[in-house]
Every structure is written in structure tokens, then in C-alpha cells.
Amino acid sequence: MQETIQIINKMQTDGVIGKYAIGGAIGASFYLEATSSLDIDIFISFKGIGGNPLAPLQPIYDYLLPLGGQPKGVHILLKGWLIQFLPAENALNEEALEAAVETDLGGVKTWVMTAEHLIAIALKLGRKKDEARVERFVEIGKFDQNTLDDILRRYALVDNWKAISDKYMGGRK
């Protein structure tokens, strides 16, 4: 994965993308034991870019194709990893992007969403795999409850948290 992230970092340095943050299962694997995932979810901001909603992806493809990137549906295959570039299209994702923490990946700098934002996004999505990820975060306890509570209140996700808490944790906070 280091080679892939080095290319993403170079893309950022070259001005093709702004700040990015790894989310989803790969983002969570920086806090939890690794789980299988088919792709790396890279969140970026498309703020201020009007017109065709796919137009912001064109510079990314133009940059990555000469480096061996291969389009695969909504992904681009790069150095053995499927990458999906996702817009930080709502306030929660934008905040998660801005709050992302710099992390070392085998000597390569990368940005990863905070555990609290990963939990909130998983709660918002509400899929079974997201519920399972939230349960793993709770079991391991690798998040700050006060920070999470604040995020959950601001994004109206307290009921989602309660539902998961009741279902998987017997109502524990």
C-alpha cells in the first residue's frame, strides 16, 4: 500500500488533489485489526468545482493513467490496490477530511480519518458491515467518547448510536 500512497501524496504535492483522508475499512484498520477490504476509500474535497459532477475526477485519471492506473468501474487500480476517490460531499465528511490525522504507513506519510469520524460515518451509513465496524471500535475502545458524543449530537446520530449500543452492547454507552 505504501507505493500507492506515495503516488497519492505526489498527486497532492503536484496540486491535482488537495487534502485527502483515508476512510472506510482501510481507514479503520489504522485503529483496529485489519479486516478485508476490496478498496481504499480516499475522500477529497470537490468544493468550488462546478459543472459536471464527474469533471473533478478527470485530472485524477489524467494523472494516474500514465503511471499505470487502470479504470475498473468506479475504482482505479493502482499498484495492486483498487482506489475509490469519494467526494467529501456533506458536512460530516468535510469535517472528517479536515480533522484527519497524519499517520505513518511504513515510512510513508498519509492522512487518516479520526476514529470518532469513522464511527460517525459508519453510523450514518448504517450498513451491516458499518455496524460491525462500530462494534469493533467499541470492543477495543480506541476512540474518545466525549469527542464522539459531540460529533453524534452535531450530526443527529445519537439515535443511531443508541440503536447500535442496544443491539450489540446491551445498552452500554
C-alpha atoms as a PDB file:
ATOM      1  CA  MET A   1       0.000   0.000   0.000  1.00  0.00           C
ATOM      2  CA  GLN A   2       2.966   2.328   0.612  1.00  0.00           C
ATOM      3  CA  GLU A   3       3.647   2.687  -3.132  1.00  0.00           C
ATOM      4  CA  THR A   4       0.033   3.588  -3.777  1.00  0.00           C
ATOM      5  CA  ILE A   5       0.011   6.206  -1.004  1.00  0.00           C
ATOM      6  CA  GLN A   6       3.317   7.654  -2.264  1.00  0.00           C
ATOM      7  CA  ILE A   7       1.632   8.290  -5.622  1.00  0.00           C
ATOM      8  CA  ILE A   8      -1.414   9.835  -3.908  1.00  0.00           C
ATOM      9  CA  ASN A   9       0.947  12.078  -1.911  1.00  0.00           C
ATOM     10  CA  LYS A  10       2.735  13.117  -5.108  1.00  0.00           C
ATOM     11  CA  MET A  11      -0.631  13.870  -6.684  1.00  0.00           C
ATOM     12  CA  GLN A  12      -1.343  16.144  -3.726  1.00  0.00           C
ATOM     13  CA  THR A  13       2.089  17.805  -3.948  1.00  0.00           C
ATOM     14  CA  ASP A  14       1.551  18.364  -7.669  1.00  0.00           C
ATOM     15  CA  GLY A  15      -1.780  20.085  -6.965  1.00  0.00           C
ATOM     16  CA  VAL A  16      -4.045  17.512  -8.605  1.00  0.00           C
ATOM     17  CA  ILE A  17      -5.906  16.993  -5.318  1.00  0.00           C
ATOM     18  CA  GLY A  18      -5.999  18.916  -2.077  1.00  0.00           C
ATOM     19  CA  LYS A  19      -6.019  17.368   1.350  1.00  0.00           C
ATOM     20  CA  TYR A  20      -7.182  13.780   1.374  1.00  0.00           C
ATOM     21  CA  ALA A  21      -8.130  11.300   4.064  1.00  0.00           C
ATOM     22  CA  ILE A  22      -8.396   7.544   4.035  1.00  0.00           C
ATOM     23  CA  GLY A  23     -11.754   6.348   5.341  1.00  0.00           C
ATOM     24  CA  GLY A  24     -13.785   3.159   5.288  1.00  0.00           C
ATOM     25  CA  ALA A  25     -12.396  -0.225   6.285  1.00  0.00           C
ATOM     26  CA  ILE A  26      -8.798   0.677   5.406  1.00  0.00           C
ATOM     27  CA  GLY A  27      -9.052   3.867   7.468  1.00  0.00           C
ATOM     28  CA  ALA A  28     -10.435   1.848  10.377  1.00  0.00           C
ATOM     29  CA  SER A  29      -7.552  -0.638  10.060  1.00  0.00           C
ATOM     30  CA  PHE A  30      -5.219   2.086  11.360  1.00  0.00           C
ATOM     31  CA  TYR A  31      -7.089   1.771  14.679  1.00  0.00           C
ATOM     32  CA  LEU A  32      -8.445  -1.784  14.610  1.00  0.00           C
ATOM     33  CA  GLU A  33      -7.056  -5.094  13.493  1.00  0.00           C
ATOM     34  CA  ALA A  34      -7.159  -5.282   9.738  1.00  0.00           C
ATOM     35  CA  THR A  35     -10.265  -6.561   8.025  1.00  0.00           C
ATOM     36  CA  SER A  36     -10.604  -7.454   4.408  1.00  0.00           C
ATOM     37  CA  SER A  37     -11.483  -4.679   2.054  1.00  0.00           C
ATOM     38  CA  LEU A  38     -11.617  -4.569  -1.689  1.00  0.00           C
ATOM     39  CA  ASP A  39     -10.557  -0.944  -1.959  1.00  0.00           C
ATOM     40  CA  ILE A  40      -9.048   2.142  -0.400  1.00  0.00           C
ATOM     41  CA  ASP A  41     -11.617   4.890   0.095  1.00  0.00           C
ATOM     42  CA  ILE A  42      -9.897   8.243  -0.409  1.00  0.00           C
ATOM     43  CA  PHE A  43     -12.032  11.221   0.498  1.00  0.00           C
ATOM     44  CA  ILE A  44     -11.235  14.524  -1.196  1.00  0.00           C
ATOM     45  CA  SER A  45     -12.959  17.875  -1.448  1.00  0.00           C
ATOM     46  CA  PHE A  46     -14.574  18.924  -4.702  1.00  0.00           C
ATOM     47  CA  LYS A  47     -15.685  22.221  -3.121  1.00  0.00           C
ATOM     48  CA  GLY A  48     -15.875  25.109  -5.516  1.00  0.00           C
ATOM     49  CA  ILE A  49     -15.774  22.898  -8.605  1.00  0.00           C
ATOM     50  CA  GLY A  50     -18.972  23.374 -10.583  1.00  0.00           C
ATOM     51  CA  GLY A  51     -20.360  21.808 -13.705  1.00  0.00           C
ATOM     52  CA  ASN A  52     -20.308  18.100 -14.415  1.00  0.00           C
ATOM     53  CA  PRO A  53     -20.056  16.182 -11.096  1.00  0.00           C
ATOM     54  CA  LEU A  54     -17.583  13.755 -12.709  1.00  0.00           C
ATOM     55  CA  ALA A  55     -15.351  16.539 -14.069  1.00  0.00           C
ATOM     56  CA  PRO A  56     -13.231  16.751 -10.875  1.00  0.00           C
ATOM     57  CA  LEU A  57     -12.184  13.126 -11.416  1.00  0.00           C
ATOM     58  CA  GLN A  58     -10.721  13.828 -14.873  1.00  0.00           C
ATOM     59  CA  PRO A  59      -7.443  15.354 -13.586  1.00  0.00           C
ATOM     60  CA  ILE A  60      -7.062  12.380 -11.236  1.00  0.00           C
ATOM     61  CA  TYR A  61      -7.461   9.914 -14.103  1.00  0.00           C
ATOM     62  CA  ASP A  62      -5.209  12.017 -16.360  1.00  0.00           C
ATOM     63  CA  TYR A  63      -2.534  11.884 -13.655  1.00  0.00           C
ATOM     64  CA  LEU A  64      -2.827   8.209 -12.731  1.00  0.00           C
ATOM     65  CA  LEU A  65      -3.312   6.535 -16.123  1.00  0.00           C
ATOM     66  CA  PRO A  66       0.261   7.272 -17.345  1.00  0.00           C
ATOM     67  CA  LEU A  67       1.525   5.837 -14.033  1.00  0.00           C
ATOM     68  CA  GLY A  68      -0.159   2.519 -14.731  1.00  0.00           C
ATOM     69  CA  GLY A  69      -3.552   3.263 -13.188  1.00  0.00           C
ATOM     70  CA  GLN A  70      -6.353   1.240 -14.760  1.00  0.00           C
ATOM     71  CA  PRO A  71     -10.029   2.220 -14.547  1.00  0.00           C
ATOM     72  CA  LYS A  72     -12.128  -0.558 -13.005  1.00  0.00           C
ATOM     73  CA  GLY A  73     -15.725   0.618 -12.716  1.00  0.00           C
ATOM     74  CA  VAL A  74     -15.872   3.301 -10.015  1.00  0.00           C
ATOM     75  CA  HIS A  75     -12.295   2.464  -8.974  1.00  0.00           C
ATOM     76  CA  ILE A  76      -8.863   2.915 -10.364  1.00  0.00           C
ATOM     77  CA  LEU A  77      -6.420   0.032  -9.938  1.00  0.00           C
ATOM     78  CA  LEU A  78      -3.011   1.351  -8.891  1.00  0.00           C
ATOM     79  CA  LYS A  79      -0.059  -0.734  -7.726  1.00  0.00           C
ATOM     80  CA  GLY A  80      -2.352  -3.640  -6.865  1.00  0.00           C
ATOM     81  CA  TRP A  81      -4.899  -1.568  -4.932  1.00  0.00           C
ATOM     82  CA  LEU A  82      -8.361  -0.529  -6.016  1.00  0.00           C
ATOM     83  CA  ILE A  83      -8.870   3.124  -5.119  1.00  0.00           C
ATOM     84  CA  GLN A  84     -12.160   4.919  -4.975  1.00  0.00           C
ATOM     85  CA  PHE A  85     -11.984   8.697  -4.803  1.00  0.00           C
ATOM     86  CA  LEU A  86     -15.030   9.906  -2.908  1.00  0.00           C
ATOM     87  CA  PRO A  87     -16.248  13.460  -2.514  1.00  0.00           C
ATOM     88  CA  ALA A  88     -16.479  14.816   0.999  1.00  0.00           C
ATOM     89  CA  GLU A  89     -19.966  15.856  -0.100  1.00  0.00           C
ATOM     90  CA  ASN A  90     -21.643  16.526   3.215  1.00  0.00           C
ATOM     91  CA  ALA A  91     -20.760  18.403   6.389  1.00  0.00           C
ATOM     92  CA  LEU A  92     -19.769  15.258   8.316  1.00  0.00           C
ATOM     93  CA  ASN A  93     -17.421  14.040   5.574  1.00  0.00           C
ATOM     94  CA  GLU A  94     -15.966  17.540   5.139  1.00  0.00           C
ATOM     95  CA  GLU A  95     -15.292  17.754   8.872  1.00  0.00           C
ATOM     96  CA  ALA A  96     -13.757  14.273   8.838  1.00  0.00           C
ATOM     97  CA  LEU A  97     -11.487  15.324   5.980  1.00  0.00           C
ATOM     98  CA  GLU A  98     -10.368  18.481   7.787  1.00  0.00           C
ATOM     99  CA  ALA A  99      -9.832  16.653  11.098  1.00  0.00           C
ATOM    100  CA  ALA A 100      -7.865  13.774   9.531  1.00  0.00           C
ATOM    101  CA  VAL A 101      -4.644  12.920  11.316  1.00  0.00           C
ATOM    102  CA  GLU A 102      -1.260  12.479   9.746  1.00  0.00           C
ATOM    103  CA  THR A 103      -0.194   8.866  10.101  1.00  0.00           C
ATOM    104  CA  ASP A 104       2.937   6.938   9.239  1.00  0.00           C
ATOM    105  CA  LEU A 105       2.435   3.956   6.959  1.00  0.00           C
ATOM    106  CA  GLY A 106       5.753   2.131   6.860  1.00  0.00           C
ATOM    107  CA  GLY A 107       7.688   5.364   6.448  1.00  0.00           C
ATOM    108  CA  VAL A 108       5.129   7.000   4.149  1.00  0.00           C
ATOM    109  CA  LYS A 109       3.049   9.921   5.421  1.00  0.00           C
ATOM    110  CA  THR A 110      -0.685   9.629   4.901  1.00  0.00           C
ATOM    111  CA  TRP A 111      -3.874  11.146   6.265  1.00  0.00           C
ATOM    112  CA  VAL A 112      -6.497   9.015   8.012  1.00  0.00           C
ATOM    113  CA  MET A 113      -9.882   9.989   9.390  1.00  0.00           C
ATOM    114  CA  THR A 114     -10.125  10.030  13.176  1.00  0.00           C
ATOM    115  CA  ALA A 115     -11.682   7.037  14.889  1.00  0.00           C
ATOM    116  CA  GLU A 116     -14.577   9.213  16.041  1.00  0.00           C
ATOM    117  CA  HIS A 117     -15.347  10.369  12.495  1.00  0.00           C
ATOM    118  CA  LEU A 118     -15.051   6.829  11.144  1.00  0.00           C
ATOM    119  CA  ILE A 119     -17.585   5.706  13.760  1.00  0.00           C
ATOM    120  CA  ALA A 120     -19.958   8.588  12.964  1.00  0.00           C
ATOM    121  CA  ILE A 121     -19.783   7.948   9.221  1.00  0.00           C
ATOM    122  CA  ALA A 122     -20.377   4.228   9.779  1.00  0.00           C
ATOM    123  CA  LEU A 123     -23.397   5.067  11.939  1.00  0.00           C
ATOM    124  CA  LYS A 124     -24.733   7.376   9.254  1.00  0.00           C
ATOM    125  CA  LEU A 125     -24.327   4.729   6.543  1.00  0.00           C
ATOM    126  CA  GLY A 126     -25.897   2.057   8.746  1.00  0.00           C
ATOM    127  CA  ARG A 127     -24.945  -0.962   6.652  1.00  0.00           C
ATOM    128  CA  LYS A 128     -24.265  -4.303   8.398  1.00  0.00           C
ATOM    129  CA  LYS A 129     -20.527  -4.015   7.749  1.00  0.00           C
ATOM    130  CA  ASP A 130     -20.563  -0.495   9.211  1.00  0.00           C
ATOM    131  CA  GLU A 131     -22.413  -1.703  12.300  1.00  0.00           C
ATOM    132  CA  ALA A 132     -19.812  -4.445  12.741  1.00  0.00           C
ATOM    133  CA  ARG A 133     -17.009  -1.857  12.463  1.00  0.00           C
ATOM    134  CA  VAL A 134     -18.630   0.298  15.149  1.00  0.00           C
ATOM    135  CA  GLU A 135     -18.923  -2.763  17.378  1.00  0.00           C
ATOM    136  CA  ARG A 136     -15.176  -3.478  16.926  1.00  0.00           C
ATOM    137  CA  PHE A 137     -14.310   0.117  17.818  1.00  0.00           C
ATOM    138  CA  VAL A 138     -16.371  -0.178  20.996  1.00  0.00           C
ATOM    139  CA  GLU A 139     -14.854  -3.546  21.931  1.00  0.00           C
ATOM    140  CA  ILE A 140     -11.333  -2.187  21.555  1.00  0.00           C
ATOM    141  CA  GLY A 141     -12.159   1.257  22.967  1.00  0.00           C
ATOM    142  CA  LYS A 142      -9.865   3.144  20.583  1.00  0.00           C
ATOM    143  CA  PHE A 143     -11.818   6.387  20.488  1.00  0.00           C
ATOM    144  CA  ASP A 144     -12.602   9.351  22.699  1.00  0.00           C
ATOM    145  CA  GLN A 145     -16.186   9.129  23.954  1.00  0.00           C
ATOM    146  CA  ASN A 146     -16.535  12.879  24.587  1.00  0.00           C
ATOM    147  CA  THR A 147     -15.373  13.737  21.077  1.00  0.00           C
ATOM    148  CA  LEU A 148     -17.658  11.087  19.616  1.00  0.00           C
ATOM    149  CA  ASP A 149     -20.647  12.330  21.660  1.00  0.00           C
ATOM    150  CA  ASP A 150     -20.066  15.854  20.346  1.00  0.00           C
ATOM    151  CA  ILE A 151     -19.941  14.658  16.726  1.00  0.00           C
ATOM    152  CA  LEU A 152     -23.019  12.464  17.191  1.00  0.00           C
ATOM    153  CA  ARG A 153     -25.010  15.377  18.638  1.00  0.00           C
ATOM    154  CA  ARG A 154     -23.989  17.806  15.894  1.00  0.00           C
ATOM    155  CA  TYR A 155     -24.893  15.384  13.094  1.00  0.00           C
ATOM    156  CA  ALA A 156     -28.090  13.982  14.665  1.00  0.00           C
ATOM    157  CA  LEU A 157     -26.643  10.485  15.033  1.00  0.00           C
ATOM    158  CA  VAL A 158     -27.352   9.924  18.732  1.00  0.00           C
ATOM    159  CA  ASP A 159     -30.307   7.640  17.937  1.00  0.00           C
ATOM    160  CA  ASN A 160     -28.149   5.633  15.510  1.00  0.00           C
ATOM    161  CA  TRP A 161     -25.544   5.197  18.276  1.00  0.00           C
ATOM    162  CA  LYS A 162     -28.237   4.158  20.751  1.00  0.00           C
ATOM    163  CA  ALA A 163     -29.631   1.581  18.316  1.00  0.00           C
ATOM    164  CA  ILE A 164     -26.191   0.031  17.808  1.00  0.00           C
ATOM    165  CA  SER A 165     -25.481   0.238  21.529  1.00  0.00           C
ATOM    166  CA  ASP A 166     -28.744  -1.518  22.378  1.00  0.00           C
ATOM    167  CA  LYS A 167     -28.277  -4.162  19.677  1.00  0.00           C
ATOM    168  CA  TYR A 168     -24.620  -5.066  20.196  1.00  0.00           C
ATOM    169  CA  MET A 169     -23.619  -3.786  23.588  1.00  0.00           C
ATOM    170  CA  GLY A 170     -26.642  -4.308  25.777  1.00  0.00           C
ATOM    171  CA  GLY A 171     -27.294  -0.563  26.022  1.00  0.00           C
ATOM    172  CA  ARG A 172     -23.792   0.421  27.213  1.00  0.00           C
ATOM    173  CA  LYS A 173     -22.739   3.884  26.206  1.00  0.00           C
END
